[in-house]
Every structure is written in structure tokens, then in C-alpha cells.
Amino acid sequence: MLGAIRSDATVQGIACMLGAMLALSLNDAIVKWISGEYALHEIVFVRSTVALAVTLAYVAFDGGVAVLRTRRPAMHLMRSFLLMLMNMGFFAALATLTLAQTGALFFVAPLLITALSAPMLGERIGPWRWGAVLVGMAGMVVMLRPGTQAFEPAALLPVGAAAAYALMQILTRRLGATERASTMAFYIQISFLAVSLLIGFAVGDGRFGGTGHPSLDFLLRAWVPPDVADLSLMAVCGVLIGIVGILLSQAYRIAEATLMAPFEYAYLPLAVLWGVTVWGDWPDGIALAGIALIAGAGMVVFWRETVRGRVIAARDPLPRQR
């Protein structure tokens, strides 16, 4: 009977994880679709307004206003800062790179978390995981193609975003011991709203835009009133991100993190699918090799964590809030 209960929880957790990756990939595809017309901080402001409403609705079912109280505001602030760096790096890259390229390069994050866990958390990293980190880094180099005409400097942005995310997750391991996922998600959305407004006031008039580079213009473009269709797409992104937060929290709540984490890689084939169907972006052989190395290395890390019986992420990790 106990085994059946665990099996049901695992199946439900996998379903939640796959649903979260579907919603996340759709969010990223929509942002890429409208990245040529609007500023990133304008999109984030609209999206976070809607996502905050979804988060508050979830909070109401997760204990009410009481769960929003925290004794560690400084750590929430630091996490928010790192996540906003991740957000800007990832989406700025999307304006230039394909969805699959950006997603694959960002997925070096679990490998960076493993590498940083040794010096920052004092964890012992064995040869299997160090080997996986090296293989994943090799996959990253394959995709970056440094020293060739195919090298695009914007490809460094998702790598930087992955580094910011890795540092944030290291911090989450400590913060997650006392804070609920809904609490962390709430403060993230509040931070997104505040920072996007500040950036809008600082550069939203577009005086620094017009650089001719898609990524820079996405960050520096002037705010313009969106038409009804695009405003609806931004609102849909807010709903999708809210759904991502709820589904990820549920997946990691009802099933073992070591079993759930590998299913985050479902994002990659979905990114390839949207890239091909919407933009006709077929990854070439080199890109596919890099994606395979990164994904394979990440799966090895998760496998080794499962073998060792250890949890690779906080029990209630912050849902990915891109």
C-alpha cells in the first residue's frame, strides 16, 4: 500500500513537472516573439503584475497572509537580485539566439550548482560528478564555438544567467530551510515589479536604445503602449509563470527532488519544437552535440545524487521565475 502511494505521488509529481516545463517553454517563446517590439522591463512589469495576482491566489490556499512574514529580508533581497540578473541575461540572449540555444546554455546551471556546492556549502563532490561537470562545460564550449565566425557574444548571456541562477540556488538551500516556496515566490514578484519600474524610469524613454544589436535594444528600448493582442500575450506570460511556480512547488512537495529534477530537461525538446515550428530554427549538428553533452552531463549529476541518496535542491525550491 505504501509503495502504491509513493508511486502515485511520483506520477503526479512528474505530471506537474512536465506541465511546468510546457508552461515555461511557452512563456519563453512568447517573450522571444514580442522581443523585437517592446522593452524587456516593460514585458516583465506587465507579466509580474499578473503573476503576483496568481501567486497571491496560491498564497491564500497555502496558509494565507501569515506565510508572507519573514525574518530574513536581506536573503530574500539577495535572491531577488540574482534572479533578476538571470532574468535579464536569459531574455536578452533570447532576442538574438534561438530558443533551443539559449535554453541549452542555461542548463549548465545544475552543473555550476554542483561545482559551487564544494567551496560554498562544503559538500564532497566525487569523481563522477566532477567528470559530468567537465563534460557539460565541454558541451557549452561546443555550443559557443569560440574563435570561429559562428561565435556570437550574446551566447555568453545565458551562461552568465546560469551562473546567477546557480548562486541563487545555493542561497535557496539555506533560505528554503525556514521559508515556504510561496513566500519566496511572492517576494520575487514584488522585486520584479519594483526593479522593472525603476529601470523603466531610468532608460524607458529609449535614449540609450537604437544600438542595432537585438539583445541590447531589448534591454534599452523605450516603453510603448502595447496593442491589445500584445498586452494579452504579456498577461498570458504572467499566468504561465504563475502556473510554473505552482506546478514546480507541487512537484517538489509530493515527490523526491532527486526524481523530479531530471524532468526539468523536458524543457529542451520543447524549446526545439517551438523554435522549429514558429521560427524554422533547426539546430545544426554541432548545436545538437552541445545540447546532448550538457543534458547528458546534467542527467549524470542527478543520477549520482540519487545513488548517493542525497537531495540536490531545496525541498521547496523557488520555482524558475524567468
C-alpha atoms as a PDB file:
ATOM      1  CA  MET A   1       0.000   0.000   0.000  1.00  0.00           C
ATOM      2  CA  LEU A   2       2.779   2.432   0.943  1.00  0.00           C
ATOM      3  CA  GLY A   3       4.574   1.653  -2.323  1.00  0.00           C
ATOM      4  CA  ALA A   4       1.397   2.391  -4.290  1.00  0.00           C
ATOM      5  CA  ILE A   5       1.017   5.755  -2.540  1.00  0.00           C
ATOM      6  CA  ARG A   6       4.600   6.666  -3.321  1.00  0.00           C
ATOM      7  CA  SER A   7       4.145   5.552  -6.929  1.00  0.00           C
ATOM      8  CA  ASP A   8       1.017   7.712  -7.313  1.00  0.00           C
ATOM      9  CA  ALA A   9       2.834  10.697  -5.816  1.00  0.00           C
ATOM     10  CA  THR A  10       5.738  10.197  -8.213  1.00  0.00           C
ATOM     11  CA  VAL A  11       3.429  10.033 -11.241  1.00  0.00           C
ATOM     12  CA  GLN A  12       1.621  13.171 -10.094  1.00  0.00           C
ATOM     13  CA  GLY A  13       4.949  14.892  -9.473  1.00  0.00           C
ATOM     14  CA  ILE A  14       6.183  14.017 -12.972  1.00  0.00           C
ATOM     15  CA  ALA A  15       2.923  15.306 -14.469  1.00  0.00           C
ATOM     16  CA  CYS A  16       3.337  18.580 -12.551  1.00  0.00           C
ATOM     17  CA  MET A  17       6.950  18.894 -13.656  1.00  0.00           C
ATOM     18  CA  LEU A  18       6.153  18.267 -17.321  1.00  0.00           C
ATOM     19  CA  GLY A  19       3.275  20.749 -17.128  1.00  0.00           C
ATOM     20  CA  ALA A  20       5.611  23.315 -15.585  1.00  0.00           C
ATOM     21  CA  MET A  21       8.194  22.852 -18.343  1.00  0.00           C
ATOM     22  CA  LEU A  22       5.485  23.185 -21.010  1.00  0.00           C
ATOM     23  CA  ALA A  23       4.258  26.433 -19.444  1.00  0.00           C
ATOM     24  CA  LEU A  24       7.815  27.730 -19.039  1.00  0.00           C
ATOM     25  CA  SER A  25       8.770  26.978 -22.634  1.00  0.00           C
ATOM     26  CA  LEU A  26       5.605  28.694 -23.886  1.00  0.00           C
ATOM     27  CA  ASN A  27       6.404  31.735 -21.740  1.00  0.00           C
ATOM     28  CA  ASP A  28       9.908  31.942 -23.197  1.00  0.00           C
ATOM     29  CA  ALA A  29       8.599  31.518 -26.750  1.00  0.00           C
ATOM     30  CA  ILE A  30       6.099  34.355 -26.266  1.00  0.00           C
ATOM     31  CA  VAL A  31       8.760  36.671 -24.841  1.00  0.00           C
ATOM     32  CA  LYS A  32      11.012  35.907 -27.801  1.00  0.00           C
ATOM     33  CA  TRP A  33       8.101  36.543 -30.183  1.00  0.00           C
ATOM     34  CA  ILE A  34       7.485  40.087 -28.871  1.00  0.00           C
ATOM     35  CA  SER A  35      11.120  40.920 -28.039  1.00  0.00           C
ATOM     36  CA  GLY A  36      11.535  42.943 -31.227  1.00  0.00           C
ATOM     37  CA  GLU A  37       8.762  45.410 -30.355  1.00  0.00           C
ATOM     38  CA  TYR A  38       8.887  46.035 -26.601  1.00  0.00           C
ATOM     39  CA  ALA A  39      11.425  46.570 -23.842  1.00  0.00           C
ATOM     40  CA  LEU A  40      12.181  43.628 -21.577  1.00  0.00           C
ATOM     41  CA  HIS A  41      11.395  45.598 -18.414  1.00  0.00           C
ATOM     42  CA  GLU A  42       8.003  46.611 -19.833  1.00  0.00           C
ATOM     43  CA  ILE A  43       7.136  42.981 -20.542  1.00  0.00           C
ATOM     44  CA  VAL A  44       8.358  41.954 -17.084  1.00  0.00           C
ATOM     45  CA  PHE A  45       6.267  44.650 -15.415  1.00  0.00           C
ATOM     46  CA  VAL A  46       3.039  43.509 -17.076  1.00  0.00           C
ATOM     47  CA  ARG A  47       3.883  39.843 -16.616  1.00  0.00           C
ATOM     48  CA  SER A  48       4.821  40.217 -12.955  1.00  0.00           C
ATOM     49  CA  THR A  49       1.637  42.163 -12.194  1.00  0.00           C
ATOM     50  CA  VAL A  50      -0.413  39.208 -13.416  1.00  0.00           C
ATOM     51  CA  ALA A  51       1.957  36.639 -11.868  1.00  0.00           C
ATOM     52  CA  LEU A  52       1.701  38.396  -8.500  1.00  0.00           C
ATOM     53  CA  ALA A  53      -2.080  38.045  -8.617  1.00  0.00           C
ATOM     54  CA  VAL A  54      -1.719  34.328  -9.390  1.00  0.00           C
ATOM     55  CA  THR A  55       0.851  33.954  -6.591  1.00  0.00           C
ATOM     56  CA  LEU A  56      -1.393  35.718  -4.078  1.00  0.00           C
ATOM     57  CA  ALA A  57      -4.258  33.421  -5.037  1.00  0.00           C
ATOM     58  CA  TYR A  58      -1.959  30.464  -4.339  1.00  0.00           C
ATOM     59  CA  VAL A  59      -0.836  32.038  -1.042  1.00  0.00           C
ATOM     60  CA  ALA A  60      -4.471  32.189   0.025  1.00  0.00           C
ATOM     61  CA  PHE A  61      -4.611  28.380  -0.234  1.00  0.00           C
ATOM     62  CA  ASP A  62      -1.154  27.891   1.288  1.00  0.00           C
ATOM     63  CA  GLY A  63      -1.706  29.453   4.678  1.00  0.00           C
ATOM     64  CA  GLY A  64      -2.835  32.990   3.947  1.00  0.00           C
ATOM     65  CA  VAL A  65      -1.058  36.268   4.632  1.00  0.00           C
ATOM     66  CA  ALA A  66       0.822  34.749   7.554  1.00  0.00           C
ATOM     67  CA  VAL A  67       3.166  32.876   5.189  1.00  0.00           C
ATOM     68  CA  LEU A  68       4.427  36.193   3.781  1.00  0.00           C
ATOM     69  CA  ARG A  69       6.111  37.131   7.041  1.00  0.00           C
ATOM     70  CA  THR A  70       9.852  36.645   7.010  1.00  0.00           C
ATOM     71  CA  ARG A  71      12.753  37.163   9.374  1.00  0.00           C
ATOM     72  CA  ARG A  72      15.306  37.049   6.568  1.00  0.00           C
ATOM     73  CA  PRO A  73      14.532  40.020   4.285  1.00  0.00           C
ATOM     74  CA  ALA A  74      18.205  40.509   3.362  1.00  0.00           C
ATOM     75  CA  MET A  75      18.449  36.980   1.950  1.00  0.00           C
ATOM     76  CA  HIS A  76      15.228  37.489   0.007  1.00  0.00           C
ATOM     77  CA  LEU A  77      16.719  40.693  -1.412  1.00  0.00           C
ATOM     78  CA  MET A  78      19.924  38.930  -2.457  1.00  0.00           C
ATOM     79  CA  ARG A  79      17.991  36.092  -4.075  1.00  0.00           C
ATOM     80  CA  SER A  80      15.829  38.577  -5.932  1.00  0.00           C
ATOM     81  CA  PHE A  81      18.911  40.411  -7.203  1.00  0.00           C
ATOM     82  CA  LEU A  82      20.471  37.192  -8.508  1.00  0.00           C
ATOM     83  CA  LEU A  83      17.232  36.078 -10.126  1.00  0.00           C
ATOM     84  CA  MET A  84      16.827  39.432 -11.851  1.00  0.00           C
ATOM     85  CA  LEU A  85      20.352  39.115 -13.257  1.00  0.00           C
ATOM     86  CA  MET A  86      19.395  35.664 -14.502  1.00  0.00           C
ATOM     87  CA  ASN A  87      16.190  37.021 -15.982  1.00  0.00           C
ATOM     88  CA  MET A  88      17.891  39.827 -17.884  1.00  0.00           C
ATOM     89  CA  GLY A  89      20.699  37.614 -19.169  1.00  0.00           C
ATOM     90  CA  PHE A  90      18.384  34.841 -20.333  1.00  0.00           C
ATOM     91  CA  PHE A  91      15.850  37.030 -22.111  1.00  0.00           C
ATOM     92  CA  ALA A  92      18.428  39.366 -23.623  1.00  0.00           C
ATOM     93  CA  ALA A  93      20.005  36.267 -25.162  1.00  0.00           C
ATOM     94  CA  LEU A  94      16.617  35.137 -26.500  1.00  0.00           C
ATOM     95  CA  ALA A  95      16.391  38.292 -28.608  1.00  0.00           C
ATOM     96  CA  THR A  96      19.496  37.146 -30.539  1.00  0.00           C
ATOM     97  CA  LEU A  97      19.784  33.356 -30.172  1.00  0.00           C
ATOM     98  CA  THR A  98      17.346  30.561 -30.852  1.00  0.00           C
ATOM     99  CA  LEU A  99      15.154  29.264 -28.050  1.00  0.00           C
ATOM    100  CA  ALA A 100      16.980  25.910 -28.063  1.00  0.00           C
ATOM    101  CA  GLN A 101      20.449  27.515 -27.912  1.00  0.00           C
ATOM    102  CA  THR A 102      19.500  29.814 -25.059  1.00  0.00           C
ATOM    103  CA  GLY A 103      17.796  27.050 -23.103  1.00  0.00           C
ATOM    104  CA  ALA A 104      20.624  24.557 -23.551  1.00  0.00           C
ATOM    105  CA  LEU A 105      23.330  27.021 -22.498  1.00  0.00           C
ATOM    106  CA  PHE A 106      21.268  27.976 -19.468  1.00  0.00           C
ATOM    107  CA  PHE A 107      21.062  24.323 -18.449  1.00  0.00           C
ATOM    108  CA  VAL A 108      24.708  24.358 -17.406  1.00  0.00           C
ATOM    109  CA  ALA A 109      23.225  25.779 -14.186  1.00  0.00           C
ATOM    110  CA  PRO A 110      22.831  22.379 -12.435  1.00  0.00           C
ATOM    111  CA  LEU A 111      26.471  21.654 -13.236  1.00  0.00           C
ATOM    112  CA  LEU A 112      27.533  25.020 -11.804  1.00  0.00           C
ATOM    113  CA  ILE A 113      25.452  24.316  -8.691  1.00  0.00           C
ATOM    114  CA  THR A 114      27.362  21.062  -8.258  1.00  0.00           C
ATOM    115  CA  ALA A 115      30.740  22.780  -8.734  1.00  0.00           C
ATOM    116  CA  LEU A 116      29.861  25.620  -6.340  1.00  0.00           C
ATOM    117  CA  SER A 117      28.487  23.282  -3.673  1.00  0.00           C
ATOM    118  CA  ALA A 118      32.022  22.180  -2.802  1.00  0.00           C
ATOM    119  CA  PRO A 119      33.551  25.576  -1.867  1.00  0.00           C
ATOM    120  CA  MET A 120      30.335  27.297  -0.717  1.00  0.00           C
ATOM    121  CA  LEU A 121      28.479  24.512   1.113  1.00  0.00           C
ATOM    122  CA  GLY A 122      31.360  22.207   1.985  1.00  0.00           C
ATOM    123  CA  GLU A 123      29.842  19.279   0.070  1.00  0.00           C
ATOM    124  CA  ARG A 124      32.072  16.466  -1.136  1.00  0.00           C
ATOM    125  CA  ILE A 125      31.924  16.117  -4.921  1.00  0.00           C
ATOM    126  CA  GLY A 126      33.041  12.729  -6.213  1.00  0.00           C
ATOM    127  CA  PRO A 127      34.800  11.901  -9.495  1.00  0.00           C
ATOM    128  CA  TRP A 128      31.556  11.000 -11.289  1.00  0.00           C
ATOM    129  CA  ARG A 129      30.046  14.419 -10.703  1.00  0.00           C
ATOM    130  CA  TRP A 130      33.285  16.298 -11.404  1.00  0.00           C
ATOM    131  CA  GLY A 131      33.540  14.346 -14.643  1.00  0.00           C
ATOM    132  CA  ALA A 132      29.953  15.289 -15.524  1.00  0.00           C
ATOM    133  CA  VAL A 133      30.728  18.941 -14.839  1.00  0.00           C
ATOM    134  CA  LEU A 134      33.701  18.810 -17.209  1.00  0.00           C
ATOM    135  CA  VAL A 135      31.642  17.083 -19.924  1.00  0.00           C
ATOM    136  CA  GLY A 136      28.889  19.673 -19.543  1.00  0.00           C
ATOM    137  CA  MET A 137      31.387  22.510 -19.760  1.00  0.00           C
ATOM    138  CA  ALA A 138      32.775  20.901 -22.922  1.00  0.00           C
ATOM    139  CA  GLY A 139      29.237  20.899 -24.330  1.00  0.00           C
ATOM    140  CA  MET A 140      28.953  24.579 -23.503  1.00  0.00           C
ATOM    141  CA  VAL A 141      32.204  25.319 -25.380  1.00  0.00           C
ATOM    142  CA  VAL A 142      30.957  23.292 -28.360  1.00  0.00           C
ATOM    143  CA  MET A 143      27.809  25.410 -28.496  1.00  0.00           C
ATOM    144  CA  LEU A 144      29.666  28.714 -28.012  1.00  0.00           C
ATOM    145  CA  ARG A 145      32.130  27.893 -30.834  1.00  0.00           C
ATOM    146  CA  PRO A 146      34.774  30.394 -29.668  1.00  0.00           C
ATOM    147  CA  GLY A 147      37.330  31.504 -32.237  1.00  0.00           C
ATOM    148  CA  THR A 148      35.043  30.797 -35.187  1.00  0.00           C
ATOM    149  CA  GLN A 149      32.859  33.049 -37.302  1.00  0.00           C
ATOM    150  CA  ALA A 150      29.831  31.340 -35.766  1.00  0.00           C
ATOM    151  CA  PHE A 151      30.669  32.708 -32.303  1.00  0.00           C
ATOM    152  CA  GLU A 152      28.019  35.129 -31.047  1.00  0.00           C
ATOM    153  CA  PRO A 153      28.951  37.196 -27.945  1.00  0.00           C
ATOM    154  CA  ALA A 154      25.288  37.147 -26.888  1.00  0.00           C
ATOM    155  CA  ALA A 155      25.726  33.409 -26.279  1.00  0.00           C
ATOM    156  CA  LEU A 156      27.629  34.323 -23.118  1.00  0.00           C
ATOM    157  CA  LEU A 157      24.460  35.861 -21.663  1.00  0.00           C
ATOM    158  CA  PRO A 158      22.645  32.580 -20.837  1.00  0.00           C
ATOM    159  CA  VAL A 159      25.893  31.264 -19.338  1.00  0.00           C
ATOM    160  CA  GLY A 160      26.010  34.310 -17.085  1.00  0.00           C
ATOM    161  CA  ALA A 161      22.322  33.783 -16.347  1.00  0.00           C
ATOM    162  CA  ALA A 162      23.097  30.181 -15.371  1.00  0.00           C
ATOM    163  CA  ALA A 163      25.846  31.368 -13.007  1.00  0.00           C
ATOM    164  CA  ALA A 164      23.430  33.812 -11.342  1.00  0.00           C
ATOM    165  CA  TYR A 165      20.834  31.064 -11.034  1.00  0.00           C
ATOM    166  CA  ALA A 166      23.376  28.662  -9.538  1.00  0.00           C
ATOM    167  CA  LEU A 167      24.364  31.195  -6.886  1.00  0.00           C
ATOM    168  CA  MET A 168      20.696  31.836  -6.194  1.00  0.00           C
ATOM    169  CA  GLN A 169      20.006  28.132  -5.694  1.00  0.00           C
ATOM    170  CA  ILE A 170      22.959  27.821  -3.331  1.00  0.00           C
ATOM    171  CA  LEU A 171      21.337  30.600  -1.320  1.00  0.00           C
ATOM    172  CA  THR A 172      17.959  28.855  -1.623  1.00  0.00           C
ATOM    173  CA  ARG A 173      19.364  25.751   0.075  1.00  0.00           C
ATOM    174  CA  ARG A 174      19.867  27.868   3.176  1.00  0.00           C
ATOM    175  CA  LEU A 175      16.769  30.028   2.894  1.00  0.00           C
ATOM    176  CA  GLY A 176      14.488  27.127   1.970  1.00  0.00           C
ATOM    177  CA  ALA A 177      15.033  25.580   5.399  1.00  0.00           C
ATOM    178  CA  THR A 178      12.854  28.283   7.003  1.00  0.00           C
ATOM    179  CA  GLU A 179      10.824  29.834   4.164  1.00  0.00           C
ATOM    180  CA  ARG A 180       7.971  28.427   2.094  1.00  0.00           C
ATOM    181  CA  ALA A 181       8.069  28.367  -1.699  1.00  0.00           C
ATOM    182  CA  SER A 182       5.007  30.641  -1.860  1.00  0.00           C
ATOM    183  CA  THR A 183       6.758  33.168   0.396  1.00  0.00           C
ATOM    184  CA  MET A 184       9.841  33.232  -1.819  1.00  0.00           C
ATOM    185  CA  ALA A 185       7.757  33.476  -4.997  1.00  0.00           C
ATOM    186  CA  PHE A 186       5.828  36.434  -3.561  1.00  0.00           C
ATOM    187  CA  TYR A 187       8.958  38.438  -2.778  1.00  0.00           C
ATOM    188  CA  ILE A 188      10.410  37.641  -6.185  1.00  0.00           C
ATOM    189  CA  GLN A 189       7.370  39.072  -7.972  1.00  0.00           C
ATOM    190  CA  ILE A 190       7.387  42.175  -5.775  1.00  0.00           C
ATOM    191  CA  SER A 191      11.070  42.649  -6.610  1.00  0.00           C
ATOM    192  CA  PHE A 192      10.418  42.202 -10.331  1.00  0.00           C
ATOM    193  CA  LEU A 193       7.706  44.856 -10.228  1.00  0.00           C
ATOM    194  CA  ALA A 194       9.874  47.347  -8.344  1.00  0.00           C
ATOM    195  CA  VAL A 195      13.004  46.848 -10.436  1.00  0.00           C
ATOM    196  CA  SER A 196      11.201  46.889 -13.789  1.00  0.00           C
ATOM    197  CA  LEU A 197       9.602  50.200 -12.817  1.00  0.00           C
ATOM    198  CA  LEU A 198      12.961  51.647 -11.739  1.00  0.00           C
ATOM    199  CA  ILE A 199      14.597  50.559 -14.994  1.00  0.00           C
ATOM    200  CA  GLY A 200      11.640  51.964 -16.890  1.00  0.00           C
ATOM    201  CA  PHE A 201      12.100  55.354 -15.235  1.00  0.00           C
ATOM    202  CA  ALA A 202      15.856  55.228 -15.867  1.00  0.00           C
ATOM    203  CA  VAL A 203      16.002  54.125 -19.515  1.00  0.00           C
ATOM    204  CA  GLY A 204      12.376  53.705 -20.558  1.00  0.00           C
ATOM    205  CA  ASP A 205      12.440  56.819 -22.704  1.00  0.00           C
ATOM    206  CA  GLY A 206      14.691  54.947 -25.142  1.00  0.00           C
ATOM    207  CA  ARG A 207      17.560  57.435 -25.118  1.00  0.00           C
ATOM    208  CA  PHE A 208      20.077  54.586 -24.894  1.00  0.00           C
ATOM    209  CA  GLY A 209      18.339  52.375 -27.455  1.00  0.00           C
ATOM    210  CA  GLY A 210      18.888  52.057 -31.167  1.00  0.00           C
ATOM    211  CA  THR A 211      22.183  50.201 -30.828  1.00  0.00           C
ATOM    212  CA  GLY A 212      21.377  47.856 -33.689  1.00  0.00           C
ATOM    213  CA  HIS A 213      22.021  44.760 -31.542  1.00  0.00           C
ATOM    214  CA  PRO A 214      18.845  42.799 -30.734  1.00  0.00           C
ATOM    215  CA  SER A 215      19.882  41.933 -27.171  1.00  0.00           C
ATOM    216  CA  LEU A 216      20.961  45.450 -26.196  1.00  0.00           C
ATOM    217  CA  ASP A 217      17.911  47.016 -27.802  1.00  0.00           C
ATOM    218  CA  PHE A 218      15.667  44.580 -25.917  1.00  0.00           C
ATOM    219  CA  LEU A 219      17.151  45.905 -22.680  1.00  0.00           C
ATOM    220  CA  LEU A 220      17.255  49.597 -23.636  1.00  0.00           C
ATOM    221  CA  ARG A 221      14.227  50.066 -25.900  1.00  0.00           C
ATOM    222  CA  ALA A 222      11.656  52.713 -24.963  1.00  0.00           C
ATOM    223  CA  TRP A 223       8.384  51.742 -23.345  1.00  0.00           C
ATOM    224  CA  VAL A 224       5.495  51.984 -25.807  1.00  0.00           C
ATOM    225  CA  PRO A 225       1.791  51.328 -25.226  1.00  0.00           C
ATOM    226  CA  PRO A 226       1.176  47.710 -26.320  1.00  0.00           C
ATOM    227  CA  ASP A 227      -1.765  46.914 -28.545  1.00  0.00           C
ATOM    228  CA  VAL A 228      -4.496  44.646 -27.211  1.00  0.00           C
ATOM    229  CA  ALA A 229      -3.043  41.495 -28.763  1.00  0.00           C
ATOM    230  CA  ASP A 230       0.472  42.036 -27.362  1.00  0.00           C
ATOM    231  CA  LEU A 231      -0.840  43.139 -23.966  1.00  0.00           C
ATOM    232  CA  SER A 232      -2.816  39.903 -23.888  1.00  0.00           C
ATOM    233  CA  LEU A 233       0.355  37.933 -24.673  1.00  0.00           C
ATOM    234  CA  MET A 234       2.190  39.662 -21.809  1.00  0.00           C
ATOM    235  CA  ALA A 235      -0.691  38.824 -19.487  1.00  0.00           C
ATOM    236  CA  VAL A 236      -0.612  35.210 -20.680  1.00  0.00           C
ATOM    237  CA  CYS A 237       3.081  35.140 -19.717  1.00  0.00           C
ATOM    238  CA  GLY A 238       2.095  36.246 -16.232  1.00  0.00           C
ATOM    239  CA  VAL A 239      -0.439  33.430 -15.950  1.00  0.00           C
ATOM    240  CA  LEU A 240       2.079  30.911 -17.320  1.00  0.00           C
ATOM    241  CA  ILE A 241       4.783  31.946 -14.849  1.00  0.00           C
ATOM    242  CA  GLY A 242       2.275  31.766 -12.012  1.00  0.00           C
ATOM    243  CA  ILE A 243       1.352  28.248 -13.146  1.00  0.00           C
ATOM    244  CA  VAL A 244       5.046  27.304 -13.357  1.00  0.00           C
ATOM    245  CA  GLY A 245       5.527  28.362  -9.757  1.00  0.00           C
ATOM    246  CA  ILE A 246       2.559  26.374  -8.506  1.00  0.00           C
ATOM    247  CA  LEU A 247       3.325  23.209 -10.500  1.00  0.00           C
ATOM    248  CA  LEU A 248       7.016  23.178  -9.580  1.00  0.00           C
ATOM    249  CA  SER A 249       6.227  23.709  -5.920  1.00  0.00           C
ATOM    250  CA  GLN A 250       3.719  20.858  -6.057  1.00  0.00           C
ATOM    251  CA  ALA A 251       6.116  18.533  -7.907  1.00  0.00           C
ATOM    252  CA  TYR A 252       8.893  19.001  -5.361  1.00  0.00           C
ATOM    253  CA  ARG A 253       6.424  18.876  -2.471  1.00  0.00           C
ATOM    254  CA  ILE A 254       4.850  15.494  -3.228  1.00  0.00           C
ATOM    255  CA  ALA A 255       7.781  13.638  -4.811  1.00  0.00           C
ATOM    256  CA  GLU A 256      11.501  13.256  -4.199  1.00  0.00           C
ATOM    257  CA  ALA A 257      13.578  16.105  -5.590  1.00  0.00           C
ATOM    258  CA  THR A 258      16.154  13.685  -7.000  1.00  0.00           C
ATOM    259  CA  LEU A 259      13.415  12.041  -9.064  1.00  0.00           C
ATOM    260  CA  MET A 260      11.808  15.304 -10.200  1.00  0.00           C
ATOM    261  CA  ALA A 261      14.868  17.347 -11.156  1.00  0.00           C
ATOM    262  CA  PRO A 262      15.819  15.371 -14.318  1.00  0.00           C
ATOM    263  CA  PHE A 263      12.390  16.057 -15.795  1.00  0.00           C
ATOM    264  CA  GLU A 264      13.286  19.749 -15.970  1.00  0.00           C
ATOM    265  CA  TYR A 265      15.285  18.751 -19.056  1.00  0.00           C
ATOM    266  CA  ALA A 266      11.947  18.216 -20.830  1.00  0.00           C
ATOM    267  CA  TYR A 267      12.289  21.938 -21.494  1.00  0.00           C
ATOM    268  CA  LEU A 268      14.956  21.314 -24.149  1.00  0.00           C
ATOM    269  CA  PRO A 269      12.934  19.241 -26.671  1.00  0.00           C
ATOM    270  CA  LEU A 270      10.028  21.656 -26.157  1.00  0.00           C
ATOM    271  CA  ALA A 271      12.342  24.584 -26.926  1.00  0.00           C
ATOM    272  CA  VAL A 272      13.498  22.835 -30.094  1.00  0.00           C
ATOM    273  CA  LEU A 273       9.854  22.168 -31.032  1.00  0.00           C
ATOM    274  CA  TRP A 274       8.771  25.825 -30.657  1.00  0.00           C
ATOM    275  CA  GLY A 275      11.914  27.007 -32.413  1.00  0.00           C
ATOM    276  CA  VAL A 276      11.263  24.777 -35.407  1.00  0.00           C
ATOM    277  CA  THR A 277       7.512  25.324 -35.683  1.00  0.00           C
ATOM    278  CA  VAL A 278       7.467  29.093 -35.036  1.00  0.00           C
ATOM    279  CA  TRP A 279      10.781  30.355 -36.415  1.00  0.00           C
ATOM    280  CA  GLY A 280      12.070  27.445 -38.516  1.00  0.00           C
ATOM    281  CA  ASP A 281      15.203  27.252 -36.332  1.00  0.00           C
ATOM    282  CA  TRP A 282      16.600  23.764 -36.878  1.00  0.00           C
ATOM    283  CA  PRO A 283      19.648  23.126 -34.630  1.00  0.00           C
ATOM    284  CA  ASP A 284      22.665  22.024 -36.665  1.00  0.00           C
ATOM    285  CA  GLY A 285      24.799  19.014 -35.823  1.00  0.00           C
ATOM    286  CA  ILE A 286      27.232  20.968 -33.642  1.00  0.00           C
ATOM    287  CA  ALA A 287      24.429  22.556 -31.656  1.00  0.00           C
ATOM    288  CA  LEU A 288      22.748  19.176 -31.153  1.00  0.00           C
ATOM    289  CA  ALA A 289      26.061  17.698 -29.960  1.00  0.00           C
ATOM    290  CA  GLY A 290      26.457  20.516 -27.435  1.00  0.00           C
ATOM    291  CA  ILE A 291      22.864  20.097 -26.241  1.00  0.00           C
ATOM    292  CA  ALA A 292      23.410  16.343 -25.833  1.00  0.00           C
ATOM    293  CA  LEU A 293      26.615  16.841 -23.828  1.00  0.00           C
ATOM    294  CA  ILE A 294      25.037  19.400 -21.496  1.00  0.00           C
ATOM    295  CA  ALA A 295      21.832  17.412 -20.984  1.00  0.00           C
ATOM    296  CA  GLY A 296      23.712  14.137 -20.586  1.00  0.00           C
ATOM    297  CA  ALA A 297      26.080  15.633 -18.023  1.00  0.00           C
ATOM    298  CA  GLY A 298      23.151  17.055 -16.064  1.00  0.00           C
ATOM    299  CA  MET A 299      21.432  13.689 -16.032  1.00  0.00           C
ATOM    300  CA  VAL A 300      24.603  12.025 -14.721  1.00  0.00           C
ATOM    301  CA  VAL A 301      24.736  14.543 -11.873  1.00  0.00           C
ATOM    302  CA  PHE A 302      21.125  13.807 -10.962  1.00  0.00           C
ATOM    303  CA  TRP A 303      21.745  10.067 -11.213  1.00  0.00           C
ATOM    304  CA  ARG A 304      24.752  10.226  -8.897  1.00  0.00           C
ATOM    305  CA  GLU A 305      22.769  12.283  -6.388  1.00  0.00           C
ATOM    306  CA  THR A 306      20.029   9.639  -6.483  1.00  0.00           C
ATOM    307  CA  VAL A 307      22.541   6.827  -5.995  1.00  0.00           C
ATOM    308  CA  ARG A 308      24.039   8.628  -3.025  1.00  0.00           C
ATOM    309  CA  GLY A 309      20.554   9.234  -1.618  1.00  0.00           C
ATOM    310  CA  ARG A 310      21.027  12.986  -1.372  1.00  0.00           C
ATOM    311  CA  VAL A 311      18.764  15.868  -2.306  1.00  0.00           C
ATOM    312  CA  ILE A 312      20.264  18.158  -4.931  1.00  0.00           C
ATOM    313  CA  ALA A 313      17.956  21.112  -4.339  1.00  0.00           C
ATOM    314  CA  ALA A 314      15.950  22.658  -1.551  1.00  0.00           C
ATOM    315  CA  ARG A 315      12.859  20.681  -0.622  1.00  0.00           C
ATOM    316  CA  ASP A 316      10.701  23.650  -1.638  1.00  0.00           C
ATOM    317  CA  PRO A 317      12.915  25.385  -4.215  1.00  0.00           C
ATOM    318  CA  LEU A 318      11.976  28.673  -5.745  1.00  0.00           C
ATOM    319  CA  PRO A 319      10.160  27.942  -8.992  1.00  0.00           C
ATOM    320  CA  ARG A 320      12.043  29.194 -12.019  1.00  0.00           C
ATOM    321  CA  GLN A 321      10.716  32.728 -12.492  1.00  0.00           C
ATOM    322  CA  ARG A 322      12.074  33.799 -15.838  1.00  0.00           C
END
